[in-house]
PDB file of N, CA and C in Angstrom:
ATOM      1  N   MET A   1       0.848  -1.198  -0.004  1.00  0.00           N
ATOM      2  CA  MET A   1      -0.001   0.004  -0.009  1.00  0.00           C
ATOM      3  C   MET A   1       0.891   1.241   0.000  1.00  0.00           C
ATOM      4  N   THR A   2       0.419   2.243  -0.655  1.00  0.00           N
ATOM      5  CA  THR A   2       1.117   3.534  -0.726  1.00  0.00           C
ATOM      6  C   THR A   2       0.538   4.459   0.320  1.00  0.00           C
ATOM      7  N   THR A   3       1.422   5.116   1.079  1.00  0.00           N
ATOM      8  CA  THR A   3       0.992   6.105   2.073  1.00  0.00           C
ATOM      9  C   THR A   3       1.666   7.421   1.725  1.00  0.00           C
ATOM     10  N   ILE A   4       0.897   8.499   1.783  1.00  0.00           N
ATOM     11  CA  ILE A   4       1.438   9.821   1.551  1.00  0.00           C
ATOM     12  C   ILE A   4       1.298  10.592   2.863  1.00  0.00           C
ATOM     13  N   TYR A   5       2.398  11.225   3.280  1.00  0.00           N
ATOM     14  CA  TYR A   5       2.473  11.944   4.534  1.00  0.00           C
ATOM     15  C   TYR A   5       2.588  13.422   4.264  1.00  0.00           C
ATOM     16  N   GLY A   6       1.853  14.217   5.004  1.00  0.00           N
ATOM     17  CA  GLY A   6       1.957  15.664   4.836  1.00  0.00           C
ATOM     18  C   GLY A   6       0.808  16.384   5.491  1.00  0.00           C
ATOM     19  N   ILE A   7       0.485  17.545   4.918  1.00  0.00           N
ATOM     20  CA  ILE A   7      -0.558  18.438   5.415  1.00  0.00           C
ATOM     21  C   ILE A   7      -1.502  18.702   4.255  1.00  0.00           C
ATOM     22  N   ARG A   8      -2.771  18.456   4.441  1.00  0.00           N
ATOM     23  CA  ARG A   8      -3.758  18.498   3.358  1.00  0.00           C
ATOM     24  C   ARG A   8      -3.722  19.806   2.544  1.00  0.00           C
ATOM     25  N   ASN A   9      -3.649  20.968   3.142  1.00  0.00           N
ATOM     26  CA  ASN A   9      -3.785  22.203   2.415  1.00  0.00           C
ATOM     27  C   ASN A   9      -2.511  22.752   1.779  1.00  0.00           C
ATOM     28  N   CYS A  10      -1.446  22.003   1.829  1.00  0.00           N
ATOM     29  CA  CYS A  10      -0.180  22.408   1.219  1.00  0.00           C
ATOM     30  C   CYS A  10      -0.290  22.280  -0.287  1.00  0.00           C
ATOM     31  N   ASP A  11       0.149  23.319  -1.019  1.00  0.00           N
ATOM     32  CA  ASP A  11       0.051  23.299  -2.474  1.00  0.00           C
ATOM     33  C   ASP A  11       0.807  22.137  -3.115  1.00  0.00           C
ATOM     34  N   THR A  12       1.980  21.805  -2.562  1.00  0.00           N
ATOM     35  CA  THR A  12       2.761  20.689  -3.101  1.00  0.00           C
ATOM     36  C   THR A  12       2.051  19.380  -2.849  1.00  0.00           C
ATOM     37  N   MET A  13       1.403  19.260  -1.696  1.00  0.00           N
ATOM     38  CA  MET A  13       0.613  18.057  -1.417  1.00  0.00           C
ATOM     39  C   MET A  13      -0.533  17.932  -2.408  1.00  0.00           C
ATOM     40  N   LYS A  14      -1.188  19.030  -2.720  1.00  0.00           N
ATOM     41  CA  LYS A  14      -2.294  18.996  -3.697  1.00  0.00           C
ATOM     42  C   LYS A  14      -1.811  18.474  -5.037  1.00  0.00           C
ATOM     43  N   LYS A  15      -0.641  18.895  -5.471  1.00  0.00           N
ATOM     44  CA  LYS A  15      -0.061  18.410  -6.725  1.00  0.00           C
ATOM     45  C   LYS A  15       0.187  16.914  -6.663  1.00  0.00           C
ATOM     46  N   ALA A  16       0.725  16.465  -5.522  1.00  0.00           N
ATOM     47  CA  ALA A  16       1.014  15.040  -5.362  1.00  0.00           C
ATOM     48  C   ALA A  16      -0.293  14.206  -5.335  1.00  0.00           C
ATOM     49  N   PHE A  17      -1.309  14.696  -4.619  1.00  0.00           N
ATOM     50  CA  PHE A  17      -2.617  14.010  -4.608  1.00  0.00           C
ATOM     51  C   PHE A  17      -3.159  13.906  -6.024  1.00  0.00           C
ATOM     52  N   ALA A  18      -3.114  15.030  -6.755  1.00  0.00           N
ATOM     53  CA  ALA A  18      -3.648  15.015  -8.137  1.00  0.00           C
ATOM     54  C   ALA A  18      -2.869  14.051  -9.019  1.00  0.00           C
ATOM     55  N   TRP A  19      -1.560  13.982  -8.835  1.00  0.00           N
ATOM     56  CA  TRP A  19      -0.749  13.067  -9.632  1.00  0.00           C
ATOM     57  C   TRP A  19      -1.143  11.628  -9.306  1.00  0.00           C
ATOM     58  N   LEU A  20      -1.212  11.277  -8.043  1.00  0.00           N
ATOM     59  CA  LEU A  20      -1.568   9.927  -7.629  1.00  0.00           C
ATOM     60  C   LEU A  20      -2.954   9.542  -8.145  1.00  0.00           C
ATOM     61  N   ASP A  21      -3.922  10.486  -7.958  1.00  0.00           N
ATOM     62  CA  ASP A  21      -5.300  10.238  -8.414  1.00  0.00           C
ATOM     63  C   ASP A  21      -5.316  10.046  -9.939  1.00  0.00           C
ATOM     64  N   GLY A  22      -4.608  10.931 -10.635  1.00  0.00           N
ATOM     65  CA  GLY A  22      -4.587  10.879 -12.080  1.00  0.00           C
ATOM     66  C   GLY A  22      -3.949   9.644 -12.674  1.00  0.00           C
ATOM     67  N   HIS A  23      -3.097   8.992 -11.878  1.00  0.00           N
ATOM     68  CA  HIS A  23      -2.439   7.783 -12.347  1.00  0.00           C
ATOM     69  C   HIS A  23      -3.024   6.516 -11.715  1.00  0.00           C
ATOM     70  N   GLY A  24      -4.189   6.697 -11.053  1.00  0.00           N
ATOM     71  CA  GLY A  24      -4.917   5.549 -10.512  1.00  0.00           C
ATOM     72  C   GLY A  24      -4.187   4.813  -9.397  1.00  0.00           C
ATOM     73  N   ILE A  25      -3.382   5.549  -8.640  1.00  0.00           N
ATOM     74  CA  ILE A  25      -2.635   4.913  -7.547  1.00  0.00           C
ATOM     75  C   ILE A  25      -3.383   5.130  -6.229  1.00  0.00           C
ATOM     76  N   ALA A  26      -3.817   4.042  -5.645  1.00  0.00           N
ATOM     77  CA  ALA A  26      -4.533   4.108  -4.380  1.00  0.00           C
ATOM     78  C   ALA A  26      -3.519   4.421  -3.259  1.00  0.00           C
ATOM     79  N   TYR A  27      -3.981   5.226  -2.297  1.00  0.00           N
ATOM     80  CA  TYR A  27      -3.076   5.623  -1.201  1.00  0.00           C
ATOM     81  C   TYR A  27      -3.874   5.898   0.057  1.00  0.00           C
ATOM     82  N   GLU A  28      -3.154   5.823   1.137  1.00  0.00           N
ATOM     83  CA  GLU A  28      -3.671   6.294   2.433  1.00  0.00           C
ATOM     84  C   GLU A  28      -2.984   7.629   2.701  1.00  0.00           C
ATOM     85  N   PHE A  29      -3.687   8.524   3.368  1.00  0.00           N
ATOM     86  CA  PHE A  29      -3.101   9.832   3.689  1.00  0.00           C
ATOM     87  C   PHE A  29      -2.888   9.951   5.183  1.00  0.00           C
ATOM     88  N   HIS A  30      -1.667  10.272   5.580  1.00  0.00           N
ATOM     89  CA  HIS A  30      -1.359  10.516   6.993  1.00  0.00           C
ATOM     90  C   HIS A  30      -1.191  12.022   7.144  1.00  0.00           C
ATOM     91  N   ASP A  31      -2.161  12.635   7.787  1.00  0.00           N
ATOM     92  CA  ASP A  31      -2.217  14.094   7.975  1.00  0.00           C
ATOM     93  C   ASP A  31      -1.487  14.438   9.271  1.00  0.00           C
ATOM     94  N   TYR A  32      -0.344  15.112   9.116  1.00  0.00           N
ATOM     95  CA  TYR A  32       0.442  15.481  10.333  1.00  0.00           C
ATOM     96  C   TYR A  32      -0.362  16.379  11.272  1.00  0.00           C
ATOM     97  N   LYS A  33      -1.262  17.227  10.738  1.00  0.00           N
ATOM     98  CA  LYS A  33      -2.008  18.130  11.590  1.00  0.00           C
ATOM     99  C   LYS A  33      -2.976  17.364  12.492  1.00  0.00           C
ATOM    100  N   LYS A  34      -3.511  16.244  11.996  1.00  0.00           N
ATOM    101  CA  LYS A  34      -4.466  15.453  12.762  1.00  0.00           C
ATOM    102  C   LYS A  34      -3.773  14.322  13.516  1.00  0.00           C
ATOM    103  N   LEU A  35      -2.776  13.683  12.915  1.00  0.00           N
ATOM    104  CA  LEU A  35      -2.199  12.451  13.478  1.00  0.00           C
ATOM    105  C   LEU A  35      -0.819  12.641  14.025  1.00  0.00           C
ATOM    106  N   GLY A  36      -0.213  13.802  13.799  1.00  0.00           N
ATOM    107  CA  GLY A  36       1.148  14.039  14.287  1.00  0.00           C
ATOM    108  C   GLY A  36       2.197  13.276  13.485  1.00  0.00           C
ATOM    109  N   ALA A  37       3.439  13.465  13.881  1.00  0.00           N
ATOM    110  CA  ALA A  37       4.548  12.751  13.258  1.00  0.00           C
ATOM    111  C   ALA A  37       5.018  11.634  14.167  1.00  0.00           C
ATOM    112  N   ASP A  38       5.564  10.595  13.592  1.00  0.00           N
ATOM    113  CA  ASP A  38       6.011   9.436  14.333  1.00  0.00           C
ATOM    114  C   ASP A  38       7.533   9.437  14.425  1.00  0.00           C
ATOM    115  N   ALA A  39       8.074   9.482  15.625  1.00  0.00           N
ATOM    116  CA  ALA A  39       9.518   9.580  15.827  1.00  0.00           C
ATOM    117  C   ALA A  39      10.253   8.376  15.256  1.00  0.00           C
ATOM    118  N   ALA A  40       9.704   7.184  15.428  1.00  0.00           N
ATOM    119  CA  ALA A  40      10.371   5.986  14.914  1.00  0.00           C
ATOM    120  C   ALA A  40      10.397   5.979  13.387  1.00  0.00           C
ATOM    121  N   LEU A  41       9.325   6.446  12.787  1.00  0.00           N
ATOM    122  CA  LEU A  41       9.260   6.526  11.335  1.00  0.00           C
ATOM    123  C   LEU A  41      10.234   7.593  10.817  1.00  0.00           C
ATOM    124  N   LEU A  42      10.358   8.733  11.475  1.00  0.00           N
ATOM    125  CA  LEU A  42      11.328   9.742  11.090  1.00  0.00           C
ATOM    126  C   LEU A  42      12.756   9.198  11.161  1.00  0.00           C
ATOM    127  N   ARG A  43      13.052   8.434  12.224  1.00  0.00           N
ATOM    128  CA  ARG A  43      14.382   7.849  12.358  1.00  0.00           C
ATOM    129  C   ARG A  43      14.662   6.852  11.232  1.00  0.00           C
ATOM    130  N   ARG A  44      13.641   6.052  10.886  1.00  0.00           N
ATOM    131  CA  ARG A  44      13.834   5.062   9.818  1.00  0.00           C
ATOM    132  C   ARG A  44      14.069   5.775   8.482  1.00  0.00           C
ATOM    133  N   TRP A  45      13.283   6.814   8.189  1.00  0.00           N
ATOM    134  CA  TRP A  45      13.476   7.564   6.958  1.00  0.00           C
ATOM    135  C   TRP A  45      14.826   8.250   6.923  1.00  0.00           C
ATOM    136  N   ALA A  46      15.233   8.809   8.069  1.00  0.00           N
ATOM    137  CA  ALA A  46      16.552   9.471   8.143  1.00  0.00           C
ATOM    138  C   ALA A  46      17.675   8.492   7.890  1.00  0.00           C
ATOM    139  N   ALA A  47      17.534   7.266   8.355  1.00  0.00           N
ATOM    140  CA  ALA A  47      18.552   6.252   8.105  1.00  0.00           C
ATOM    141  C   ALA A  47      18.640   5.917   6.618  1.00  0.00           C
ATOM    142  N   GLU A  48      17.533   6.081   5.903  1.00  0.00           N
ATOM    143  CA  GLU A  48      17.514   5.772   4.482  1.00  0.00           C
ATOM    144  C   GLU A  48      17.969   6.972   3.617  1.00  0.00           C
ATOM    145  N   VAL A  49      17.519   8.170   3.950  1.00  0.00           N
ATOM    146  CA  VAL A  49      17.794   9.329   3.065  1.00  0.00           C
ATOM    147  C   VAL A  49      18.595  10.411   3.730  1.00  0.00           C
ATOM    148  N   GLY A  50      18.812  10.334   5.038  1.00  0.00           N
ATOM    149  CA  GLY A  50      19.506  11.407   5.755  1.00  0.00           C
ATOM    150  C   GLY A  50      18.507  12.384   6.347  1.00  0.00           C
ATOM    151  N   TRP A  51      18.744  12.802   7.558  1.00  0.00           N
ATOM    152  CA  TRP A  51      17.812  13.714   8.244  1.00  0.00           C
ATOM    153  C   TRP A  51      17.718  15.056   7.561  1.00  0.00           C
ATOM    154  N   GLU A  52      18.815  15.475   6.886  1.00  0.00           N
ATOM    155  CA  GLU A  52      18.859  16.773   6.215  1.00  0.00           C
ATOM    156  C   GLU A  52      17.823  16.875   5.129  1.00  0.00           C
ATOM    157  N   LYS A  53      17.493  15.782   4.517  1.00  0.00           N
ATOM    158  CA  LYS A  53      16.512  15.760   3.424  1.00  0.00           C
ATOM    159  C   LYS A  53      15.074  15.824   3.957  1.00  0.00           C
ATOM    160  N   LEU A  54      14.898  15.470   5.233  1.00  0.00           N
ATOM    161  CA  LEU A  54      13.535  15.432   5.791  1.00  0.00           C
ATOM    162  C   LEU A  54      13.064  16.774   6.315  1.00  0.00           C
ATOM    163  N   ILE A  55      13.952  17.623   6.762  1.00  0.00           N
ATOM    164  CA  ILE A  55      13.528  18.894   7.367  1.00  0.00           C
ATOM    165  C   ILE A  55      13.475  19.973   6.281  1.00  0.00           C
ATOM    166  N   ASN A  56      12.365  20.699   6.286  1.00  0.00           N
ATOM    167  CA  ASN A  56      12.157  21.751   5.306  1.00  0.00           C
ATOM    168  C   ASN A  56      12.691  23.082   5.900  1.00  0.00           C
ATOM    169  N   THR A  57      13.915  23.381   5.557  1.00  0.00           N
ATOM    170  CA  THR A  57      14.551  24.587   6.092  1.00  0.00           C
ATOM    171  C   THR A  57      14.174  25.842   5.287  1.00  0.00           C
ATOM    172  N   ARG A  58      13.452  25.670   4.179  1.00  0.00           N
ATOM    173  CA  ARG A  58      13.037  26.814   3.357  1.00  0.00           C
ATOM    174  C   ARG A  58      11.632  27.271   3.639  1.00  0.00           C
ATOM    175  N   GLY A  59      10.880  26.506   4.437  1.00  0.00           N
ATOM    176  CA  GLY A  59       9.525  26.824   4.744  1.00  0.00           C
ATOM    177  C   GLY A  59       9.361  27.897   5.800  1.00  0.00           C
ATOM    178  N   PRO A  60       8.214  28.541   5.874  1.00  0.00           N
ATOM    179  CA  PRO A  60       7.994  29.633   6.851  1.00  0.00           C
ATOM    180  C   PRO A  60       8.110  29.164   8.302  1.00  0.00           C
ATOM    181  N   SER A  61       7.710  27.947   8.595  1.00  0.00           N
ATOM    182  CA  SER A  61       7.771  27.453   9.976  1.00  0.00           C
ATOM    183  C   SER A  61       9.219  27.459  10.467  1.00  0.00           C
ATOM    184  N   PHE A  62      10.127  27.036   9.638  1.00  0.00           N
ATOM    185  CA  PHE A  62      11.550  26.976  10.002  1.00  0.00           C
ATOM    186  C   PHE A  62      12.144  28.387  10.033  1.00  0.00           C
ATOM    187  N   ARG A  63      11.824  29.169   9.022  1.00  0.00           N
ATOM    188  CA  ARG A  63      12.397  30.522   8.929  1.00  0.00           C
ATOM    189  C   ARG A  63      11.994  31.403  10.082  1.00  0.00           C
ATOM    190  N   ARG A  64      10.827  31.173  10.670  1.00  0.00           N
ATOM    191  CA  ARG A  64      10.330  31.983  11.819  1.00  0.00           C
ATOM    192  C   ARG A  64      11.006  31.607  13.128  1.00  0.00           C
ATOM    193  N   LEU A  65      11.741  30.521  13.157  1.00  0.00           N
ATOM    194  CA  LEU A  65      12.374  30.098  14.409  1.00  0.00           C
ATOM    195  C   LEU A  65      13.434  31.110  14.845  1.00  0.00           C
ATOM    196  N   PRO A  66      13.616  31.269  16.149  1.00  0.00           N
ATOM    197  CA  PRO A  66      14.713  32.119  16.614  1.00  0.00           C
ATOM    198  C   PRO A  66      16.065  31.486  16.230  1.00  0.00           C
ATOM    199  N   PRO A  67      17.077  32.305  16.020  1.00  0.00           N
ATOM    200  CA  PRO A  67      18.383  31.786  15.586  1.00  0.00           C
ATOM    201  C   PRO A  67      18.935  30.652  16.445  1.00  0.00           C
ATOM    202  N   GLU A  68      18.748  30.720  17.754  1.00  0.00           N
ATOM    203  CA  GLU A  68      19.312  29.683  18.625  1.00  0.00           C
ATOM    204  C   GLU A  68      18.706  28.297  18.363  1.00  0.00           C
ATOM    205  N   LYS A  69      17.473  28.258  17.805  1.00  0.00           N
ATOM    206  CA  LYS A  69      16.867  26.963  17.521  1.00  0.00           C
ATOM    207  C   LYS A  69      17.334  26.392  16.199  1.00  0.00           C
ATOM    208  N   LYS A  70      17.714  27.247  15.260  1.00  0.00           N
ATOM    209  CA  LYS A  70      18.098  26.701  13.959  1.00  0.00           C
ATOM    210  C   LYS A  70      19.601  26.717  13.695  1.00  0.00           C
ATOM    211  N   ASP A  71      20.366  27.476  14.458  1.00  0.00           N
ATOM    212  CA  ASP A  71      21.800  27.493  14.285  1.00  0.00           C
ATOM    213  C   ASP A  71      22.401  26.189  14.811  1.00  0.00           C
ATOM    214  N   GLY A  72      23.410  25.675  14.098  1.00  0.00           N
ATOM    215  CA  GLY A  72      24.066  24.435  14.536  1.00  0.00           C
ATOM    216  C   GLY A  72      23.098  23.260  14.540  1.00  0.00           C
ATOM    217  N   LEU A  73      22.284  23.218  13.495  1.00  0.00           N
ATOM    218  CA  LEU A  73      21.266  22.164  13.422  1.00  0.00           C
ATOM    219  C   LEU A  73      21.922  20.765  13.353  1.00  0.00           C
ATOM    220  N   THR A  74      21.508  19.900  14.233  1.00  0.00           N
ATOM    221  CA  THR A  74      21.956  18.517  14.274  1.00  0.00           C
ATOM    222  C   THR A  74      20.750  17.601  14.070  1.00  0.00           C
ATOM    223  N   GLN A  75      20.995  16.349  13.955  1.00  0.00           N
ATOM    224  CA  GLN A  75      19.898  15.390  13.797  1.00  0.00           C
ATOM    225  C   GLN A  75      18.978  15.447  15.018  1.00  0.00           C
ATOM    226  N   THR A  76      19.547  15.502  16.180  1.00  0.00           N
ATOM    227  CA  THR A  76      18.737  15.546  17.421  1.00  0.00           C
ATOM    228  C   THR A  76      17.843  16.783  17.441  1.00  0.00           C
ATOM    229  N   LYS A  77      18.454  17.956  17.130  1.00  0.00           N
ATOM    230  CA  LYS A  77      17.670  19.179  17.102  1.00  0.00           C
ATOM    231  C   LYS A  77      16.609  19.147  16.005  1.00  0.00           C
ATOM    232  N   ALA A  78      16.964  18.610  14.842  1.00  0.00           N
ATOM    233  CA  ALA A  78      16.014  18.561  13.738  1.00  0.00           C
ATOM    234  C   ALA A  78      14.846  17.663  14.075  1.00  0.00           C
ATOM    235  N   PHE A  79      15.098  16.484  14.668  1.00  0.00           N
ATOM    236  CA  PHE A  79      14.002  15.597  15.057  1.00  0.00           C
ATOM    237  C   PHE A  79      13.085  16.300  16.058  1.00  0.00           C
ATOM    238  N   ALA A  80      13.656  16.951  17.046  1.00  0.00           N
ATOM    239  CA  ALA A  80      12.839  17.644  18.046  1.00  0.00           C
ATOM    240  C   ALA A  80      11.944  18.704  17.371  1.00  0.00           C
ATOM    241  N   LEU A  81      12.514  19.454  16.437  1.00  0.00           N
ATOM    242  CA  LEU A  81      11.753  20.485  15.749  1.00  0.00           C
ATOM    243  C   LEU A  81      10.632  19.845  14.897  1.00  0.00           C
ATOM    244  N   MET A  82      10.941  18.787  14.172  1.00  0.00           N
ATOM    245  CA  MET A  82       9.924  18.149  13.306  1.00  0.00           C
ATOM    246  C   MET A  82       8.823  17.500  14.130  1.00  0.00           C
ATOM    247  N   LEU A  83       9.165  16.937  15.255  1.00  0.00           N
ATOM    248  CA  LEU A  83       8.126  16.325  16.102  1.00  0.00           C
ATOM    249  C   LEU A  83       7.252  17.383  16.789  1.00  0.00           C
ATOM    250  N   GLU A  84       7.886  18.479  17.176  1.00  0.00           N
ATOM    251  CA  GLU A  84       7.173  19.585  17.799  1.00  0.00           C
ATOM    252  C   GLU A  84       6.263  20.287  16.799  1.00  0.00           C
ATOM    253  N   ASN A  85       6.737  20.436  15.579  1.00  0.00           N
ATOM    254  CA  ASN A  85       5.994  21.159  14.539  1.00  0.00           C
ATOM    255  C   ASN A  85       6.141  20.379  13.237  1.00  0.00           C
ATOM    256  N   PRO A  86       5.247  19.425  12.957  1.00  0.00           N
ATOM    257  CA  PRO A  86       5.359  18.614  11.740  1.00  0.00           C
ATOM    258  C   PRO A  86       5.303  19.417  10.453  1.00  0.00           C
ATOM    259  N   SER A  87       4.921  20.667  10.504  1.00  0.00           N
ATOM    260  CA  SER A  87       4.962  21.532   9.301  1.00  0.00           C
ATOM    261  C   SER A  87       6.384  21.686   8.803  1.00  0.00           C
ATOM    262  N   MET A  88       7.366  21.368   9.622  1.00  0.00           N
ATOM    263  CA  MET A  88       8.758  21.500   9.226  1.00  0.00           C
ATOM    264  C   MET A  88       9.254  20.246   8.500  1.00  0.00           C
ATOM    265  N   ILE A  89       8.432  19.229   8.366  1.00  0.00           N
ATOM    266  CA  ILE A  89       8.831  18.026   7.639  1.00  0.00           C
ATOM    267  C   ILE A  89       8.549  18.308   6.177  1.00  0.00           C
ATOM    268  N   ARG A  90       9.512  18.009   5.353  1.00  0.00           N
ATOM    269  CA  ARG A  90       9.371  18.240   3.927  1.00  0.00           C
ATOM    270  C   ARG A  90       8.181  17.444   3.402  1.00  0.00           C
ATOM    271  N   ARG A  91       7.474  18.006   2.433  1.00  0.00           N
ATOM    272  CA  ARG A  91       6.240  17.410   1.917  1.00  0.00           C
ATOM    273  C   ARG A  91       6.289  17.285   0.399  1.00  0.00           C
ATOM    274  N   PRO A  92       5.619  16.280  -0.111  1.00  0.00           N
ATOM    275  CA  PRO A  92       5.092  15.106   0.598  1.00  0.00           C
ATOM    276  C   PRO A  92       6.212  14.090   0.826  1.00  0.00           C
ATOM    277  N   ILE A  93       5.929  13.156   1.691  1.00  0.00           N
ATOM    278  CA  ILE A  93       6.741  11.944   1.792  1.00  0.00           C
ATOM    279  C   ILE A  93       5.813  10.800   1.371  1.00  0.00           C
ATOM    280  N   VAL A  94       6.246  10.030   0.391  1.00  0.00           N
ATOM    281  CA  VAL A  94       5.447   8.929  -0.103  1.00  0.00           C
ATOM    282  C   VAL A  94       6.215   7.631   0.149  1.00  0.00           C
ATOM    283  N   ALA A  95       5.583   6.726   0.860  1.00  0.00           N
ATOM    284  CA  ALA A  95       6.156   5.419   1.132  1.00  0.00           C
ATOM    285  C   ALA A  95       5.295   4.372   0.431  1.00  0.00           C
ATOM    286  N   SER A  96       5.956   3.568  -0.422  1.00  0.00           N
ATOM    287  CA  SER A  96       5.252   2.547  -1.153  1.00  0.00           C
ATOM    288  C   SER A  96       6.174   1.342  -1.283  1.00  0.00           C
ATOM    289  N   GLY A  97       5.909   0.326  -0.501  1.00  0.00           N
ATOM    290  CA  GLY A  97       6.805  -0.831  -0.476  1.00  0.00           C
ATOM    291  C   GLY A  97       8.210  -0.406  -0.032  1.00  0.00           C
ATOM    292  N   ARG A  98       9.179  -0.668  -0.843  1.00  0.00           N
ATOM    293  CA  ARG A  98      10.567  -0.275  -0.522  1.00  0.00           C
ATOM    294  C   ARG A  98      10.907   1.124  -1.061  1.00  0.00           C
ATOM    295  N   THR A  99       9.940   1.772  -1.703  1.00  0.00           N
ATOM    296  CA  THR A  99      10.174   3.084  -2.296  1.00  0.00           C
ATOM    297  C   THR A  99       9.844   4.189  -1.292  1.00  0.00           C
ATOM    298  N   LEU A 100      10.752   5.154  -1.182  1.00  0.00           N
ATOM    299  CA  LEU A 100      10.525   6.312  -0.320  1.00  0.00           C
ATOM    300  C   LEU A 100      10.818   7.545  -1.173  1.00  0.00           C
ATOM    301  N   LEU A 101       9.818   8.376  -1.351  1.00  0.00           N
ATOM    302  CA  LEU A 101       9.982   9.611  -2.139  1.00  0.00           C
ATOM    303  C   LEU A 101       9.835  10.799  -1.207  1.00  0.00           C
ATOM    304  N   ILE A 102      10.738  11.756  -1.318  1.00  0.00           N
ATOM    305  CA  ILE A 102      10.718  12.956  -0.491  1.00  0.00           C
ATOM    306  C   ILE A 102      10.526  14.136  -1.433  1.00  0.00           C
ATOM    307  N   GLY A 103       9.437  14.903  -1.244  1.00  0.00           N
ATOM    308  CA  GLY A 103       9.145  16.012  -2.140  1.00  0.00           C
ATOM    309  C   GLY A 103       8.395  15.522  -3.348  1.00  0.00           C
ATOM    310  N   PHE A 104       7.863  16.456  -4.120  1.00  0.00           N
ATOM    311  CA  PHE A 104       7.092  16.084  -5.312  1.00  0.00           C
ATOM    312  C   PHE A 104       7.861  16.368  -6.567  1.00  0.00           C
ATOM    313  N   ASP A 105       8.181  15.333  -7.296  1.00  0.00           N
ATOM    314  CA  ASP A 105       8.803  15.390  -8.614  1.00  0.00           C
ATOM    315  C   ASP A 105       8.036  14.447  -9.510  1.00  0.00           C
ATOM    316  N   PRO A 106       7.213  14.978 -10.434  1.00  0.00           N
ATOM    317  CA  PRO A 106       6.376  14.083 -11.216  1.00  0.00           C
ATOM    318  C   PRO A 106       7.157  13.011 -12.000  1.00  0.00           C
ATOM    319  N   GLU A 107       8.330  13.376 -12.459  1.00  0.00           N
ATOM    320  CA  GLU A 107       9.154  12.392 -13.193  1.00  0.00           C
ATOM    321  C   GLU A 107       9.619  11.255 -12.280  1.00  0.00           C
ATOM    322  N   GLU A 108      10.048  11.610 -11.067  1.00  0.00           N
ATOM    323  CA  GLU A 108      10.463  10.592 -10.130  1.00  0.00           C
ATOM    324  C   GLU A 108       9.276   9.729  -9.688  1.00  0.00           C
ATOM    325  N   PHE A 109       8.112  10.342  -9.482  1.00  0.00           N
ATOM    326  CA  PHE A 109       6.921   9.595  -9.134  1.00  0.00           C
ATOM    327  C   PHE A 109       6.632   8.579 -10.263  1.00  0.00           C
ATOM    328  N   ALA A 110       6.702   9.036 -11.517  1.00  0.00           N
ATOM    329  CA  ALA A 110       6.427   8.161 -12.672  1.00  0.00           C
ATOM    330  C   ALA A 110       7.390   6.994 -12.732  1.00  0.00           C
ATOM    331  N   ARG A 111       8.666   7.261 -12.466  1.00  0.00           N
ATOM    332  CA  ARG A 111       9.675   6.174 -12.502  1.00  0.00           C
ATOM    333  C   ARG A 111       9.489   5.175 -11.362  1.00  0.00           C
ATOM    334  N   LYS A 112       9.175   5.639 -10.176  1.00  0.00           N
ATOM    335  CA  LYS A 112       9.221   4.800  -9.004  1.00  0.00           C
ATOM    336  C   LYS A 112       7.889   4.252  -8.515  1.00  0.00           C
ATOM    337  N   LEU A 113       6.787   4.817  -8.997  1.00  0.00           N
ATOM    338  CA  LEU A 113       5.499   4.365  -8.460  1.00  0.00           C
ATOM    339  C   LEU A 113       4.636   3.608  -9.479  1.00  0.00           C
ATOM    340  N   LYS A 114       5.120   3.415 -10.657  1.00  0.00           N
ATOM    341  CA  LYS A 114       4.343   2.633 -11.654  1.00  0.00           C
ATOM    342  C   LYS A 114       4.728   1.210 -11.686  1.00  0.00           C
TER     343      LYS A 114
END
């Protein structure tokens, strides 16, 4: 089964939903706003792709942080920030079998989800 993780009203999420729907790919949606983020799952993803790829340092949630929270960012600090505010997790994250996609790239989705 394919699971897509993120926040429903995010524009990038909407593009990913439309792509999945348009290609007839069934999925479950894990809404961070309603269900929160899972620390064990974040650790597993970080082991696969690196924690740096999981945290969205370009988004407004991260940019609004005081300097002491974002300076010298480490895996421990990043996990704490992402668990405290799941809006800081890059979106979407799509898990399908052994495939893990971070962010929306229609070409990568086509290669890895068909």
